Amino acid sequence: MEVLRQRLGKRRSFFLHGPAGVGKTALLTSLLPEFPTVLYCAESASKLSVFRALGVALLATGSPAAARALKSAENIKAKSAIAIKGVVLDLLRCGQYSVVLDHLCQPSAAFASEIREVANWGSTAVIGVARSPHMEDVGFLRSLFADRRERVELKNFELESAASFARWVIAGTGLCAGNLEDFLERVLELSQGNPGAIISMVRMAREPKYRSKDCIKITPLYVDFRLSSPADGGRSRIP
């Protein structure tokens, strides 16, 4: 969090990457109240979704200029992609903003061109967030973060930290079982230190179908978690 806080404070573009469930979104969004000029886009799948999200975020800053230009969230939704882009770019030019593009997934060349225009308009900082810096995730935006110093990697916990985190989650959920230590061992093995996976499996262990008297039915839980964790890196089970 301190690394991200320093990066956001410098208002320079950077790229945050790490596996699904590692906590990229959770850490960034927890810091947003400290940085009112950071505009957050939860989903960055298209030009329209990004510029609408930026419009809503600009409106939420309370800026009189944004209020005059955008009026309301309903008005933003009614605007075409071209219209909302023009308004947003004009507002970005008038302020010192940073833009967070979360959940990037294979941005096209056309999409990347639009984002580079944002970065060059009023010296707006762009923070990209994806699972990896490789082409299949960051797509054509990779050139925007060509310098390795502009990349921040968030990794899974090492074993000792993962065990401490898992025990903290278990305590917080009030999970009790006669075979809790065996369950913890399997969680650490399967999660490979991924905090989102740890949280998901602990929550699953509270469901009645994975309980037998005072014990957790570890094998069925293990199988179901694996089946619900396809190529998305377990995102379907990770809150």
C-alpha atoms as a PDB file:
ATOM      1  CA  MET A   1       0.000   0.000   0.000  1.00  0.00           C
ATOM      2  CA  GLU A   2       2.852   2.375   0.755  1.00  0.00           C
ATOM      3  CA  VAL A   3       4.419   1.729  -2.654  1.00  0.00           C
ATOM      4  CA  LEU A   4       1.093   2.457  -4.359  1.00  0.00           C
ATOM      5  CA  ARG A   5       0.534   5.530  -2.175  1.00  0.00           C
ATOM      6  CA  GLN A   6       3.905   6.937  -3.232  1.00  0.00           C
ATOM      7  CA  ARG A   7       3.235   6.184  -6.897  1.00  0.00           C
ATOM      8  CA  LEU A   8      -0.184   7.817  -6.836  1.00  0.00           C
ATOM      9  CA  GLY A   9       1.250  10.827  -5.024  1.00  0.00           C
ATOM     10  CA  LYS A  10       3.804  11.408  -7.780  1.00  0.00           C
ATOM     11  CA  ARG A  11       0.980  11.504 -10.365  1.00  0.00           C
ATOM     12  CA  ARG A  12       2.930   9.595 -12.986  1.00  0.00           C
ATOM     13  CA  SER A  13       1.763   6.756 -15.199  1.00  0.00           C
ATOM     14  CA  PHE A  14       2.509   3.198 -14.068  1.00  0.00           C
ATOM     15  CA  PHE A  15       1.275  -0.336 -14.595  1.00  0.00           C
ATOM     16  CA  LEU A  16       0.129  -2.587 -11.726  1.00  0.00           C
ATOM     17  CA  HIS A  17       0.023  -6.311 -12.422  1.00  0.00           C
ATOM     18  CA  GLY A  18      -0.387  -9.562 -10.541  1.00  0.00           C
ATOM     19  CA  PRO A  19      -2.497 -12.744 -10.626  1.00  0.00           C
ATOM     20  CA  ALA A  20      -6.271 -12.669 -10.185  1.00  0.00           C
ATOM     21  CA  GLY A  21      -7.201 -12.470  -6.510  1.00  0.00           C
ATOM     22  CA  VAL A  22      -3.876 -11.067  -5.371  1.00  0.00           C
ATOM     23  CA  GLY A  23      -5.491  -7.791  -4.223  1.00  0.00           C
ATOM     24  CA  LYS A  24      -4.780  -5.226  -6.949  1.00  0.00           C
ATOM     25  CA  THR A  25      -8.274  -3.749  -6.960  1.00  0.00           C
ATOM     26  CA  ALA A  26      -8.702  -3.983  -3.188  1.00  0.00           C
ATOM     27  CA  LEU A  27      -5.491  -2.073  -2.476  1.00  0.00           C
ATOM     28  CA  LEU A  28      -6.064   0.605  -5.092  1.00  0.00           C
ATOM     29  CA  THR A  29      -9.670   1.310  -4.160  1.00  0.00           C
ATOM     30  CA  SER A  30      -8.790   1.470  -0.461  1.00  0.00           C
ATOM     31  CA  LEU A  31      -6.403   4.335  -1.264  1.00  0.00           C
ATOM     32  CA  LEU A  32      -8.760   6.331  -3.487  1.00  0.00           C
ATOM     33  CA  PRO A  33     -10.219   8.460  -0.641  1.00  0.00           C
ATOM     34  CA  GLU A  34      -6.720   9.860  -0.093  1.00  0.00           C
ATOM     35  CA  PHE A  35      -6.467  10.993  -3.729  1.00  0.00           C
ATOM     36  CA  PRO A  36      -9.623  12.827  -4.888  1.00  0.00           C
ATOM     37  CA  THR A  37      -8.092  13.620  -8.285  1.00  0.00           C
ATOM     38  CA  VAL A  38      -7.596   9.925  -9.122  1.00  0.00           C
ATOM     39  CA  LEU A  39     -10.443   8.874 -11.432  1.00  0.00           C
ATOM     40  CA  TYR A  40     -11.257   5.166 -11.208  1.00  0.00           C
ATOM     41  CA  CYS A  41     -12.631   2.981 -14.027  1.00  0.00           C
ATOM     42  CA  ALA A  42     -13.713  -0.379 -12.600  1.00  0.00           C
ATOM     43  CA  GLU A  43     -14.045  -1.987 -16.037  1.00  0.00           C
ATOM     44  CA  SER A  44     -11.883  -0.904 -18.962  1.00  0.00           C
ATOM     45  CA  ALA A  45     -13.254  -3.074 -21.742  1.00  0.00           C
ATOM     46  CA  SER A  46     -14.162  -0.357 -24.249  1.00  0.00           C
ATOM     47  CA  LYS A  47     -13.775   3.301 -25.081  1.00  0.00           C
ATOM     48  CA  LEU A  48     -17.406   3.994 -24.195  1.00  0.00           C
ATOM     49  CA  SER A  49     -17.236   2.288 -20.791  1.00  0.00           C
ATOM     50  CA  VAL A  50     -14.002   4.120 -19.925  1.00  0.00           C
ATOM     51  CA  PHE A  51     -15.175   7.607 -20.906  1.00  0.00           C
ATOM     52  CA  ARG A  52     -18.530   7.136 -19.191  1.00  0.00           C
ATOM     53  CA  ALA A  53     -16.757   5.984 -16.033  1.00  0.00           C
ATOM     54  CA  LEU A  54     -14.422   8.967 -16.226  1.00  0.00           C
ATOM     55  CA  GLY A  55     -17.401  11.263 -16.648  1.00  0.00           C
ATOM     56  CA  VAL A  56     -19.089   9.861 -13.546  1.00  0.00           C
ATOM     57  CA  ALA A  57     -15.814  10.117 -11.592  1.00  0.00           C
ATOM     58  CA  LEU A  58     -15.284  13.722 -12.691  1.00  0.00           C
ATOM     59  CA  LEU A  59     -18.837  14.577 -11.659  1.00  0.00           C
ATOM     60  CA  ALA A  60     -18.186  13.034  -8.231  1.00  0.00           C
ATOM     61  CA  THR A  61     -15.207  15.348  -7.642  1.00  0.00           C
ATOM     62  CA  GLY A  62     -17.619  18.234  -7.129  1.00  0.00           C
ATOM     63  CA  SER A  63     -15.887  20.359  -9.739  1.00  0.00           C
ATOM     64  CA  PRO A  64     -18.168  23.207 -10.875  1.00  0.00           C
ATOM     65  CA  ALA A  65     -16.853  22.804 -14.432  1.00  0.00           C
ATOM     66  CA  ALA A  66     -17.717  19.087 -14.398  1.00  0.00           C
ATOM     67  CA  ALA A  67     -21.181  19.819 -12.988  1.00  0.00           C
ATOM     68  CA  ARG A  68     -21.862  22.340 -15.769  1.00  0.00           C
ATOM     69  CA  ALA A  69     -20.576  20.100 -18.549  1.00  0.00           C
ATOM     70  CA  LEU A  70     -21.889  16.732 -17.388  1.00  0.00           C
ATOM     71  CA  LYS A  71     -24.972  17.678 -15.310  1.00  0.00           C
ATOM     72  CA  SER A  72     -25.871  14.169 -14.102  1.00  0.00           C
ATOM     73  CA  ALA A  73     -25.046  10.457 -14.385  1.00  0.00           C
ATOM     74  CA  GLU A  74     -28.178  10.001 -16.504  1.00  0.00           C
ATOM     75  CA  ASN A  75     -26.983  12.686 -18.893  1.00  0.00           C
ATOM     76  CA  ILE A  76     -23.600  10.953 -19.166  1.00  0.00           C
ATOM     77  CA  LYS A  77     -25.259   7.634 -20.109  1.00  0.00           C
ATOM     78  CA  ALA A  78     -27.301   9.377 -22.782  1.00  0.00           C
ATOM     79  CA  LYS A  79     -24.255  10.800 -24.549  1.00  0.00           C
ATOM     80  CA  SER A  80     -22.571   9.050 -27.483  1.00  0.00           C
ATOM     81  CA  ALA A  81     -18.983   7.825 -27.234  1.00  0.00           C
ATOM     82  CA  ILE A  82     -17.712  10.764 -29.280  1.00  0.00           C
ATOM     83  CA  ALA A  83     -19.662  13.341 -27.287  1.00  0.00           C
ATOM     84  CA  ILE A  84     -18.661  12.058 -23.843  1.00  0.00           C
ATOM     85  CA  LYS A  85     -15.029  11.704 -24.945  1.00  0.00           C
ATOM     86  CA  GLY A  86     -14.875  15.353 -25.999  1.00  0.00           C
ATOM     87  CA  VAL A  87     -16.346  16.585 -22.711  1.00  0.00           C
ATOM     88  CA  VAL A  88     -14.067  14.368 -20.624  1.00  0.00           C
ATOM     89  CA  LEU A  89     -10.916  15.415 -22.475  1.00  0.00           C
ATOM     90  CA  ASP A  90     -11.775  19.098 -22.017  1.00  0.00           C
ATOM     91  CA  LEU A  91     -12.225  18.548 -18.262  1.00  0.00           C
ATOM     92  CA  LEU A  92      -9.004  16.546 -17.964  1.00  0.00           C
ATOM     93  CA  ARG A  93      -7.120  19.401 -19.572  1.00  0.00           C
ATOM     94  CA  CYS A  94      -8.370  21.763 -16.859  1.00  0.00           C
ATOM     95  CA  GLY A  95      -7.147  19.693 -13.902  1.00  0.00           C
ATOM     96  CA  GLN A  96      -4.304  17.587 -12.543  1.00  0.00           C
ATOM     97  CA  TYR A  97      -5.854  14.134 -12.764  1.00  0.00           C
ATOM     98  CA  SER A  98      -4.788  10.505 -12.775  1.00  0.00           C
ATOM     99  CA  VAL A  99      -6.868   7.779 -14.419  1.00  0.00           C
ATOM    100  CA  VAL A 100      -7.002   4.172 -13.184  1.00  0.00           C
ATOM    101  CA  LEU A 101      -7.946   1.606 -15.846  1.00  0.00           C
ATOM    102  CA  ASP A 102      -8.762  -1.537 -13.887  1.00  0.00           C
ATOM    103  CA  HIS A 103      -9.284  -5.053 -15.317  1.00  0.00           C
ATOM    104  CA  LEU A 104      -7.565  -4.429 -18.628  1.00  0.00           C
ATOM    105  CA  CYS A 105      -7.866  -7.412 -20.942  1.00  0.00           C
ATOM    106  CA  GLN A 106      -6.267  -7.359 -24.382  1.00  0.00           C
ATOM    107  CA  PRO A 107      -6.870  -3.705 -25.297  1.00  0.00           C
ATOM    108  CA  SER A 108      -7.004  -3.273 -29.068  1.00  0.00           C
ATOM    109  CA  ALA A 109      -4.795  -0.901 -31.057  1.00  0.00           C
ATOM    110  CA  ALA A 110      -7.730   1.510 -31.478  1.00  0.00           C
ATOM    111  CA  PHE A 111      -8.525   1.443 -27.755  1.00  0.00           C
ATOM    112  CA  ALA A 112      -4.861   1.983 -26.866  1.00  0.00           C
ATOM    113  CA  SER A 113      -4.744   4.968 -29.202  1.00  0.00           C
ATOM    114  CA  GLU A 114      -7.657   6.547 -27.319  1.00  0.00           C
ATOM    115  CA  ILE A 115      -5.926   6.003 -23.968  1.00  0.00           C
ATOM    116  CA  ARG A 116      -2.670   7.494 -25.237  1.00  0.00           C
ATOM    117  CA  GLU A 117      -4.690  10.545 -26.219  1.00  0.00           C
ATOM    118  CA  VAL A 118      -5.908  10.753 -22.604  1.00  0.00           C
ATOM    119  CA  ALA A 119      -2.320  10.480 -21.339  1.00  0.00           C
ATOM    120  CA  ASN A 120      -1.192  13.275 -23.653  1.00  0.00           C
ATOM    121  CA  TRP A 121      -4.150  15.535 -22.844  1.00  0.00           C
ATOM    122  CA  GLY A 122      -3.285  17.827 -19.977  1.00  0.00           C
ATOM    123  CA  SER A 123      -0.482  15.516 -18.801  1.00  0.00           C
ATOM    124  CA  THR A 124      -2.947  13.067 -17.259  1.00  0.00           C
ATOM    125  CA  ALA A 125      -1.310  10.090 -15.526  1.00  0.00           C
ATOM    126  CA  VAL A 126      -2.625   6.666 -16.562  1.00  0.00           C
ATOM    127  CA  ILE A 127      -2.502   3.694 -14.176  1.00  0.00           C
ATOM    128  CA  GLY A 128      -3.154   0.406 -15.947  1.00  0.00           C
ATOM    129  CA  VAL A 129      -4.154  -2.702 -13.997  1.00  0.00           C
ATOM    130  CA  ALA A 130      -4.050  -6.246 -15.383  1.00  0.00           C
ATOM    131  CA  ARG A 131      -2.960  -9.769 -14.517  1.00  0.00           C
ATOM    132  CA  SER A 132       0.362  -9.586 -16.358  1.00  0.00           C
ATOM    133  CA  PRO A 133       2.472  -7.180 -18.430  1.00  0.00           C
ATOM    134  CA  HIS A 134       2.291  -9.575 -21.387  1.00  0.00           C
ATOM    135  CA  MET A 135       0.471  -8.846 -24.628  1.00  0.00           C
ATOM    136  CA  GLU A 136      -2.458 -11.144 -23.830  1.00  0.00           C
ATOM    137  CA  ASP A 137      -3.394  -8.944 -20.864  1.00  0.00           C
ATOM    138  CA  VAL A 138      -2.049  -5.413 -21.333  1.00  0.00           C
ATOM    139  CA  GLY A 139      -2.494  -5.606 -25.119  1.00  0.00           C
ATOM    140  CA  PHE A 140      -1.497  -2.600 -27.210  1.00  0.00           C
ATOM    141  CA  LEU A 141      -1.176  -0.444 -24.093  1.00  0.00           C
ATOM    142  CA  ARG A 142       2.130  -2.146 -23.380  1.00  0.00           C
ATOM    143  CA  SER A 143       4.043   0.621 -25.175  1.00  0.00           C
ATOM    144  CA  LEU A 144       2.652   3.138 -22.664  1.00  0.00           C
ATOM    145  CA  PHE A 145       4.563   1.331 -19.888  1.00  0.00           C
ATOM    146  CA  ALA A 146       7.651   0.339 -21.850  1.00  0.00           C
ATOM    147  CA  ASP A 147      10.078   1.215 -19.038  1.00  0.00           C
ATOM    148  CA  ARG A 148      10.269  -1.539 -16.398  1.00  0.00           C
ATOM    149  CA  ARG A 149      10.474   1.175 -13.733  1.00  0.00           C
ATOM    150  CA  GLU A 150       6.880   2.037 -14.647  1.00  0.00           C
ATOM    151  CA  ARG A 151       5.673  -1.430 -13.630  1.00  0.00           C
ATOM    152  CA  VAL A 152       4.660  -2.578 -10.150  1.00  0.00           C
ATOM    153  CA  GLU A 153       4.178  -6.301  -9.547  1.00  0.00           C
ATOM    154  CA  LEU A 154       1.934  -7.552  -6.748  1.00  0.00           C
ATOM    155  CA  LYS A 155       2.828 -11.137  -5.862  1.00  0.00           C
ATOM    156  CA  ASN A 156       1.153 -13.908  -3.893  1.00  0.00           C
ATOM    157  CA  PHE A 157       2.206 -14.306  -0.263  1.00  0.00           C
ATOM    158  CA  GLU A 158       5.184 -16.410   0.707  1.00  0.00           C
ATOM    159  CA  LEU A 159       4.224 -19.486   2.737  1.00  0.00           C
ATOM    160  CA  GLU A 160       4.695 -17.952   6.203  1.00  0.00           C
ATOM    161  CA  SER A 161       2.728 -14.819   5.350  1.00  0.00           C
ATOM    162  CA  ALA A 162       0.041 -16.897   3.603  1.00  0.00           C
ATOM    163  CA  ALA A 163      -0.385 -19.004   6.744  1.00  0.00           C
ATOM    164  CA  SER A 164      -0.705 -15.889   8.921  1.00  0.00           C
ATOM    165  CA  PHE A 165      -3.209 -14.376   6.510  1.00  0.00           C
ATOM    166  CA  ALA A 166      -5.247 -17.589   6.339  1.00  0.00           C
ATOM    167  CA  ARG A 167      -5.427 -17.792  10.139  1.00  0.00           C
ATOM    168  CA  TRP A 168      -6.502 -14.146  10.254  1.00  0.00           C
ATOM    169  CA  VAL A 169      -9.282 -14.816   7.723  1.00  0.00           C
ATOM    170  CA  ILE A 170     -10.384 -17.942   9.617  1.00  0.00           C
ATOM    171  CA  ALA A 171     -10.539 -15.999  12.875  1.00  0.00           C
ATOM    172  CA  GLY A 172     -12.467 -13.183  11.222  1.00  0.00           C
ATOM    173  CA  THR A 173     -15.091 -15.534   9.804  1.00  0.00           C
ATOM    174  CA  GLY A 174     -15.396 -17.536  13.007  1.00  0.00           C
ATOM    175  CA  LEU A 175     -14.676 -20.800  11.184  1.00  0.00           C
ATOM    176  CA  CYS A 176     -14.306 -23.754  13.561  1.00  0.00           C
ATOM    177  CA  ALA A 177     -13.746 -27.431  12.792  1.00  0.00           C
ATOM    178  CA  GLY A 178     -12.136 -30.504  14.291  1.00  0.00           C
ATOM    179  CA  ASN A 179      -9.892 -30.843  11.235  1.00  0.00           C
ATOM    180  CA  LEU A 180      -9.092 -27.146  10.900  1.00  0.00           C
ATOM    181  CA  GLU A 181      -5.328 -27.674  10.738  1.00  0.00           C
ATOM    182  CA  ASP A 182      -5.679 -30.234   7.914  1.00  0.00           C
ATOM    183  CA  PHE A 183      -7.960 -27.808   6.087  1.00  0.00           C
ATOM    184  CA  LEU A 184      -5.459 -24.970   6.543  1.00  0.00           C
ATOM    185  CA  GLU A 185      -2.680 -27.124   5.102  1.00  0.00           C
ATOM    186  CA  ARG A 186      -4.768 -27.879   1.998  1.00  0.00           C
ATOM    187  CA  VAL A 187      -5.737 -24.217   1.597  1.00  0.00           C
ATOM    188  CA  LEU A 188      -2.090 -23.157   1.620  1.00  0.00           C
ATOM    189  CA  GLU A 189      -1.222 -25.857  -0.901  1.00  0.00           C
ATOM    190  CA  LEU A 190      -4.010 -25.036  -3.344  1.00  0.00           C
ATOM    191  CA  SER A 191      -3.957 -21.247  -3.041  1.00  0.00           C
ATOM    192  CA  GLN A 192      -0.198 -20.940  -3.574  1.00  0.00           C
ATOM    193  CA  GLY A 193      -0.381 -17.879  -1.340  1.00  0.00           C
ATOM    194  CA  ASN A 194      -3.109 -16.106  -3.316  1.00  0.00           C
ATOM    195  CA  PRO A 195      -5.165 -14.076  -0.818  1.00  0.00           C
ATOM    196  CA  GLY A 196      -8.354 -14.129  -2.893  1.00  0.00           C
ATOM    197  CA  ALA A 197      -8.201 -17.919  -3.177  1.00  0.00           C
ATOM    198  CA  ILE A 198      -7.640 -18.224   0.571  1.00  0.00           C
ATOM    199  CA  ILE A 199     -10.681 -16.046   1.299  1.00  0.00           C
ATOM    200  CA  SER A 200     -12.851 -18.010  -1.131  1.00  0.00           C
ATOM    201  CA  MET A 201     -11.959 -21.420   0.306  1.00  0.00           C
ATOM    202  CA  VAL A 202     -12.479 -20.277   3.889  1.00  0.00           C
ATOM    203  CA  ARG A 203     -15.912 -18.923   2.941  1.00  0.00           C
ATOM    204  CA  MET A 204     -16.752 -22.157   1.135  1.00  0.00           C
ATOM    205  CA  ALA A 205     -15.850 -24.106   4.273  1.00  0.00           C
ATOM    206  CA  ARG A 206     -18.725 -22.432   6.112  1.00  0.00           C
ATOM    207  CA  GLU A 207     -21.318 -23.734   3.634  1.00  0.00           C
ATOM    208  CA  PRO A 208     -23.429 -26.641   4.972  1.00  0.00           C
ATOM    209  CA  LYS A 209     -22.648 -28.900   2.011  1.00  0.00           C
ATOM    210  CA  TYR A 210     -18.971 -28.900   2.977  1.00  0.00           C
ATOM    211  CA  ARG A 211     -19.638 -29.743   6.617  1.00  0.00           C
ATOM    212  CA  SER A 212     -20.013 -33.094   8.323  1.00  0.00           C
ATOM    213  CA  LYS A 213     -20.713 -32.684  12.028  1.00  0.00           C
ATOM    214  CA  ASP A 214     -17.596 -30.969  13.413  1.00  0.00           C
ATOM    215  CA  CYS A 215     -15.432 -31.427  10.312  1.00  0.00           C
ATOM    216  CA  ILE A 216     -14.891 -29.752   6.960  1.00  0.00           C
ATOM    217  CA  LYS A 217     -15.279 -32.060   3.975  1.00  0.00           C
ATOM    218  CA  ILE A 218     -11.972 -31.025   2.489  1.00  0.00           C
ATOM    219  CA  THR A 219     -11.896 -33.201  -0.631  1.00  0.00           C
ATOM    220  CA  PRO A 220     -15.304 -32.107  -2.053  1.00  0.00           C
ATOM    221  CA  LEU A 221     -14.447 -28.484  -1.291  1.00  0.00           C
ATOM    222  CA  TYR A 222     -11.064 -28.902  -2.968  1.00  0.00           C
ATOM    223  CA  VAL A 223     -12.663 -30.446  -6.084  1.00  0.00           C
ATOM    224  CA  ASP A 224     -15.386 -27.784  -6.345  1.00  0.00           C
ATOM    225  CA  PHE A 225     -12.886 -24.976  -5.945  1.00  0.00           C
ATOM    226  CA  ARG A 226     -10.710 -26.400  -8.711  1.00  0.00           C
ATOM    227  CA  LEU A 227     -13.731 -26.827 -10.996  1.00  0.00           C
ATOM    228  CA  SER A 228     -14.791 -23.239 -10.382  1.00  0.00           C
ATOM    229  CA  SER A 229     -11.289 -21.892 -11.046  1.00  0.00           C
ATOM    230  CA  PRO A 230     -10.837 -22.081 -14.835  1.00  0.00           C
ATOM    231  CA  ALA A 231      -8.515 -20.063 -17.051  1.00  0.00           C
ATOM    232  CA  ASP A 232      -9.669 -16.842 -15.378  1.00  0.00           C
ATOM    233  CA  GLY A 233      -7.262 -17.590 -12.520  1.00  0.00           C
ATOM    234  CA  GLY A 234     -10.058 -18.408 -10.093  1.00  0.00           C
ATOM    235  CA  ARG A 235     -11.731 -15.024 -10.553  1.00  0.00           C
ATOM    236  CA  SER A 236     -15.179 -16.671 -10.573  1.00  0.00           C
ATOM    237  CA  ARG A 237     -14.703 -17.731  -6.949  1.00  0.00           C
ATOM    238  CA  ILE A 238     -12.675 -14.772  -5.772  1.00  0.00           C
ATOM    239  CA  PRO A 239     -14.629 -11.844  -4.296  1.00  0.00           C
END
